[in-house]
Amino acid sequence: MSNILPLEEQVIAALRRITRAIDLHSRVLLQKNGLTIPQLAALQAIRRLQPVAVGALARDIHLGAATVTGILGRLEKRGLVSRERGDADRRSVVVQLTDEGA
């Protein structure tokens, strides 16, 4: 009897290994820096794009705007980012790194 798994099962097993590795890395990152992977992704994108609108940031890191808003709230509370309403359109929110966040 052969031990070779069908391609679908190989893909599922590989995805499980990837998910587990991401979870372990995320825990180490959280313990070491107090940041989650999405928070770190947001900080890196803000550094690259700043000043950046929340919607553009969400698209860049492939998360929903509501999720990014929550992440930004936690980062702002820690003093890593600042958010300001746009002058022309008060619905627009622009994000930048603070000195601490940089």
N, C-alpha and C. Protein backbone atom coordinates (compact mmCIF):
# COMPACT_ATOMS: atom_id res chain seq x y z
N MET A 1 0.84 -1.19 0.00
CA MET A 1 0.00 0.00 0.00
C MET A 1 0.88 1.24 0.00
N SER A 2 0.53 2.21 -0.79
CA SER A 2 1.31 3.42 -0.95
C SER A 2 0.96 4.45 0.12
N ASN A 3 1.97 5.19 0.61
CA ASN A 3 1.78 6.24 1.60
C ASN A 3 1.66 7.62 0.97
N ILE A 4 1.58 7.68 -0.34
CA ILE A 4 1.49 8.95 -1.04
C ILE A 4 0.05 9.46 -0.93
N LEU A 5 -0.08 10.69 -0.41
CA LEU A 5 -1.39 11.30 -0.25
C LEU A 5 -1.83 11.96 -1.56
N PRO A 6 -3.14 12.01 -1.79
CA PRO A 6 -3.62 12.76 -2.96
C PRO A 6 -3.21 14.23 -2.84
N LEU A 7 -3.13 14.90 -3.96
CA LEU A 7 -2.68 16.30 -4.00
C LEU A 7 -3.49 17.18 -3.06
N GLU A 8 -4.82 17.01 -3.02
CA GLU A 8 -5.67 17.82 -2.15
C GLU A 8 -5.26 17.69 -0.69
N GLU A 9 -4.98 16.46 -0.26
CA GLU A 9 -4.58 16.23 1.13
C GLU A 9 -3.19 16.79 1.41
N GLN A 10 -2.31 16.74 0.42
CA GLN A 10 -0.98 17.33 0.58
C GLN A 10 -1.09 18.84 0.76
N VAL A 11 -1.96 19.48 0.00
CA VAL A 11 -2.17 20.93 0.10
C VAL A 11 -2.73 21.27 1.47
N ILE A 12 -3.72 20.53 1.92
CA ILE A 12 -4.32 20.78 3.24
C ILE A 12 -3.28 20.61 4.34
N ALA A 13 -2.47 19.58 4.26
CA ALA A 13 -1.42 19.36 5.27
C ALA A 13 -0.40 20.50 5.24
N ALA A 14 -0.04 20.95 4.04
CA ALA A 14 0.91 22.06 3.93
C ALA A 14 0.32 23.33 4.51
N LEU A 15 -0.95 23.59 4.25
CA LEU A 15 -1.61 24.77 4.80
C LEU A 15 -1.66 24.71 6.33
N ARG A 16 -1.90 23.54 6.87
CA ARG A 16 -1.89 23.40 8.34
C ARG A 16 -0.51 23.71 8.91
N ARG A 17 0.54 23.22 8.25
CA ARG A 17 1.90 23.50 8.72
C ARG A 17 2.21 25.00 8.64
N ILE A 18 1.79 25.64 7.57
CA ILE A 18 2.00 27.08 7.41
C ILE A 18 1.25 27.85 8.49
N THR A 19 -0.01 27.49 8.71
CA THR A 19 -0.82 28.15 9.73
C THR A 19 -0.20 27.99 11.11
N ARG A 20 0.29 26.82 11.41
CA ARG A 20 0.94 26.56 12.71
C ARG A 20 2.21 27.39 12.85
N ALA A 21 3.01 27.46 11.80
CA ALA A 21 4.24 28.25 11.84
C ALA A 21 3.93 29.73 12.04
N ILE A 22 2.90 30.23 11.37
CA ILE A 22 2.50 31.63 11.54
C ILE A 22 2.06 31.88 12.97
N ASP A 23 1.27 30.96 13.52
CA ASP A 23 0.79 31.10 14.89
C ASP A 23 1.95 31.13 15.88
N LEU A 24 2.91 30.24 15.72
CA LEU A 24 4.07 30.21 16.61
C LEU A 24 4.89 31.49 16.48
N HIS A 25 5.11 31.94 15.26
CA HIS A 25 5.88 33.16 15.02
C HIS A 25 5.16 34.37 15.61
N SER A 26 3.85 34.39 15.46
CA SER A 26 3.06 35.49 15.99
C SER A 26 3.17 35.56 17.51
N ARG A 27 3.15 34.42 18.17
CA ARG A 27 3.28 34.39 19.63
C ARG A 27 4.64 34.91 20.08
N VAL A 28 5.70 34.51 19.38
CA VAL A 28 7.05 34.98 19.70
C VAL A 28 7.14 36.48 19.50
N LEU A 29 6.60 36.96 18.40
CA LEU A 29 6.61 38.38 18.09
C LEU A 29 5.86 39.17 19.16
N LEU A 30 4.71 38.66 19.58
CA LEU A 30 3.91 39.33 20.59
C LEU A 30 4.66 39.39 21.92
N GLN A 31 5.29 38.29 22.30
CA GLN A 31 6.05 38.27 23.56
C GLN A 31 7.27 39.17 23.50
N LYS A 32 7.94 39.17 22.37
CA LYS A 32 9.19 39.92 22.22
C LYS A 32 8.96 41.43 22.09
N ASN A 33 7.98 41.81 21.26
CA ASN A 33 7.78 43.22 20.93
C ASN A 33 6.43 43.78 21.36
N GLY A 34 5.55 42.92 21.80
CA GLY A 34 4.22 43.37 22.16
C GLY A 34 3.37 43.74 20.95
N LEU A 35 3.74 43.23 19.78
CA LEU A 35 3.02 43.50 18.53
C LEU A 35 2.53 42.21 17.91
N THR A 36 1.35 42.26 17.32
CA THR A 36 0.86 41.13 16.54
C THR A 36 1.34 41.28 15.10
N ILE A 37 1.21 40.24 14.32
CA ILE A 37 1.62 40.30 12.92
C ILE A 37 0.82 41.37 12.17
N PRO A 38 -0.51 41.46 12.33
CA PRO A 38 -1.23 42.54 11.63
C PRO A 38 -0.78 43.94 12.08
N GLN A 39 -0.46 44.11 13.36
CA GLN A 39 0.03 45.41 13.83
C GLN A 39 1.37 45.73 13.19
N LEU A 40 2.25 44.76 13.14
CA LEU A 40 3.56 44.96 12.52
C LEU A 40 3.40 45.26 11.02
N ALA A 41 2.50 44.53 10.36
CA ALA A 41 2.27 44.78 8.93
C ALA A 41 1.76 46.20 8.72
N ALA A 42 0.87 46.65 9.60
CA ALA A 42 0.34 48.02 9.49
C ALA A 42 1.46 49.04 9.68
N LEU A 43 2.30 48.84 10.69
CA LEU A 43 3.40 49.78 10.94
C LEU A 43 4.35 49.84 9.75
N GLN A 44 4.67 48.69 9.18
CA GLN A 44 5.59 48.66 8.04
C GLN A 44 4.98 49.37 6.83
N ALA A 45 3.69 49.14 6.60
CA ALA A 45 3.03 49.79 5.46
C ALA A 45 2.91 51.29 5.69
N ILE A 46 2.60 51.70 6.91
CA ILE A 46 2.51 53.14 7.20
C ILE A 46 3.86 53.79 6.97
N ARG A 47 4.94 53.16 7.42
CA ARG A 47 6.27 53.71 7.21
C ARG A 47 6.56 53.91 5.73
N ARG A 48 6.14 52.95 4.92
CA ARG A 48 6.40 53.00 3.49
C ARG A 48 5.51 54.01 2.77
N LEU A 49 4.26 54.18 3.21
CA LEU A 49 3.27 54.95 2.47
C LEU A 49 2.93 56.31 3.07
N GLN A 50 3.39 56.59 4.26
CA GLN A 50 2.89 57.75 5.01
C GLN A 50 3.11 59.07 4.31
N PRO A 51 2.19 59.99 4.51
CA PRO A 51 0.91 59.81 5.19
C PRO A 51 -0.03 58.98 4.32
N VAL A 52 -0.83 58.12 4.95
CA VAL A 52 -1.68 57.21 4.19
C VAL A 52 -3.09 57.21 4.77
N ALA A 53 -4.08 57.16 3.88
CA ALA A 53 -5.47 57.06 4.29
C ALA A 53 -5.74 55.65 4.80
N VAL A 54 -6.68 55.53 5.72
CA VAL A 54 -6.99 54.23 6.32
C VAL A 54 -7.42 53.23 5.24
N GLY A 55 -8.23 53.65 4.30
CA GLY A 55 -8.68 52.74 3.24
C GLY A 55 -7.53 52.22 2.39
N ALA A 56 -6.59 53.10 2.06
CA ALA A 56 -5.43 52.69 1.27
C ALA A 56 -4.55 51.74 2.08
N LEU A 57 -4.42 52.00 3.37
CA LEU A 57 -3.64 51.11 4.23
C LEU A 57 -4.29 49.74 4.30
N ALA A 58 -5.61 49.70 4.45
CA ALA A 58 -6.33 48.43 4.52
C ALA A 58 -6.12 47.62 3.24
N ARG A 59 -6.21 48.28 2.10
CA ARG A 59 -5.99 47.58 0.83
C ARG A 59 -4.55 47.06 0.73
N ASP A 60 -3.60 47.86 1.18
CA ASP A 60 -2.19 47.48 1.08
C ASP A 60 -1.87 46.24 1.91
N ILE A 61 -2.46 46.13 3.09
CA ILE A 61 -2.15 44.97 3.95
C ILE A 61 -3.24 43.89 3.89
N HIS A 62 -4.17 44.05 2.96
CA HIS A 62 -5.19 43.04 2.67
C HIS A 62 -6.07 42.72 3.88
N LEU A 63 -6.52 43.76 4.56
CA LEU A 63 -7.45 43.62 5.67
C LEU A 63 -8.62 44.58 5.46
N GLY A 64 -9.72 44.33 6.14
CA GLY A 64 -10.87 45.21 6.05
C GLY A 64 -10.61 46.52 6.77
N ALA A 65 -11.29 47.57 6.32
CA ALA A 65 -11.10 48.89 6.93
C ALA A 65 -11.48 48.87 8.41
N ALA A 66 -12.52 48.14 8.78
CA ALA A 66 -12.92 48.06 10.19
C ALA A 66 -11.84 47.38 11.03
N THR A 67 -11.23 46.34 10.48
CA THR A 67 -10.15 45.65 11.19
C THR A 67 -8.96 46.57 11.37
N VAL A 68 -8.62 47.30 10.31
CA VAL A 68 -7.48 48.23 10.37
C VAL A 68 -7.77 49.35 11.37
N THR A 69 -9.00 49.81 11.44
CA THR A 69 -9.37 50.84 12.41
C THR A 69 -9.10 50.37 13.83
N GLY A 70 -9.45 49.13 14.13
CA GLY A 70 -9.16 48.56 15.45
C GLY A 70 -7.68 48.46 15.73
N ILE A 71 -6.93 48.00 14.74
CA ILE A 71 -5.47 47.90 14.87
C ILE A 71 -4.87 49.28 15.12
N LEU A 72 -5.33 50.28 14.37
CA LEU A 72 -4.81 51.63 14.52
C LEU A 72 -5.14 52.20 15.90
N GLY A 73 -6.32 51.87 16.41
CA GLY A 73 -6.68 52.33 17.75
C GLY A 73 -5.71 51.81 18.80
N ARG A 74 -5.34 50.53 18.68
CA ARG A 74 -4.38 49.95 19.63
C ARG A 74 -2.98 50.55 19.45
N LEU A 75 -2.58 50.77 18.21
CA LEU A 75 -1.27 51.37 17.95
C LEU A 75 -1.23 52.83 18.41
N GLU A 76 -2.34 53.54 18.22
CA GLU A 76 -2.40 54.93 18.66
C GLU A 76 -2.36 55.01 20.19
N LYS A 77 -3.03 54.10 20.85
CA LYS A 77 -3.04 54.07 22.31
C LYS A 77 -1.62 53.87 22.86
N ARG A 78 -0.81 53.13 22.11
CA ARG A 78 0.59 52.89 22.51
C ARG A 78 1.52 54.01 22.06
N GLY A 79 0.99 55.00 21.35
CA GLY A 79 1.79 56.13 20.91
C GLY A 79 2.64 55.85 19.69
N LEU A 80 2.28 54.82 18.91
CA LEU A 80 3.09 54.45 17.75
C LEU A 80 2.63 55.12 16.45
N VAL A 81 1.36 55.50 16.39
CA VAL A 81 0.82 56.17 15.21
C VAL A 81 -0.06 57.34 15.64
N SER A 82 -0.28 58.25 14.70
CA SER A 82 -1.24 59.33 14.93
C SER A 82 -2.22 59.33 13.78
N ARG A 83 -3.47 59.66 14.10
CA ARG A 83 -4.52 59.75 13.08
C ARG A 83 -5.08 61.16 13.08
N GLU A 84 -5.30 61.68 11.88
CA GLU A 84 -5.89 63.01 11.73
C GLU A 84 -6.95 62.98 10.66
N ARG A 85 -8.02 63.71 10.89
CA ARG A 85 -9.08 63.84 9.88
C ARG A 85 -8.57 64.74 8.76
N GLY A 86 -8.99 64.44 7.55
CA GLY A 86 -8.61 65.25 6.40
C GLY A 86 -9.23 66.63 6.47
N ASP A 87 -8.54 67.62 5.92
CA ASP A 87 -9.06 68.99 5.91
C ASP A 87 -10.22 69.14 4.93
N ALA A 88 -10.04 68.64 3.73
CA ALA A 88 -11.06 68.79 2.69
C ALA A 88 -12.25 67.88 2.94
N ASP A 89 -12.00 66.65 3.35
CA ASP A 89 -13.06 65.67 3.57
C ASP A 89 -12.92 65.14 4.99
N ARG A 90 -13.80 65.55 5.88
CA ARG A 90 -13.70 65.17 7.29
C ARG A 90 -13.91 63.67 7.51
N ARG A 91 -14.44 62.96 6.50
CA ARG A 91 -14.61 61.50 6.63
C ARG A 91 -13.28 60.79 6.44
N SER A 92 -12.35 61.42 5.77
CA SER A 92 -11.05 60.84 5.49
C SER A 92 -10.16 60.91 6.73
N VAL A 93 -9.48 59.81 7.03
CA VAL A 93 -8.53 59.77 8.14
C VAL A 93 -7.16 59.39 7.60
N VAL A 94 -6.17 60.20 7.93
CA VAL A 94 -4.80 59.98 7.47
C VAL A 94 -3.95 59.53 8.66
N VAL A 95 -3.10 58.55 8.42
CA VAL A 95 -2.29 57.95 9.46
C VAL A 95 -0.81 58.20 9.20
N GLN A 96 -0.06 58.47 10.27
CA GLN A 96 1.38 58.62 10.20
C GLN A 96 2.01 57.96 11.41
N LEU A 97 3.27 57.59 11.28
CA LEU A 97 4.02 57.08 12.43
C LEU A 97 4.41 58.24 13.33
N THR A 98 4.43 57.99 14.60
CA THR A 98 5.00 58.94 15.55
C THR A 98 6.49 58.67 15.61
N ASP A 99 7.22 59.49 16.33
CA ASP A 99 8.66 59.23 16.52
C ASP A 99 8.85 57.86 17.19
N GLU A 100 8.01 57.56 18.14
CA GLU A 100 8.10 56.25 18.83
C GLU A 100 7.82 55.10 17.87
N GLY A 101 6.86 55.28 16.99
CA GLY A 101 6.52 54.24 16.03
C GLY A 101 7.58 54.02 14.98
N ALA A 102 8.30 55.08 14.66
CA ALA A 102 9.36 54.97 13.65
C ALA A 102 10.51 54.18 14.24
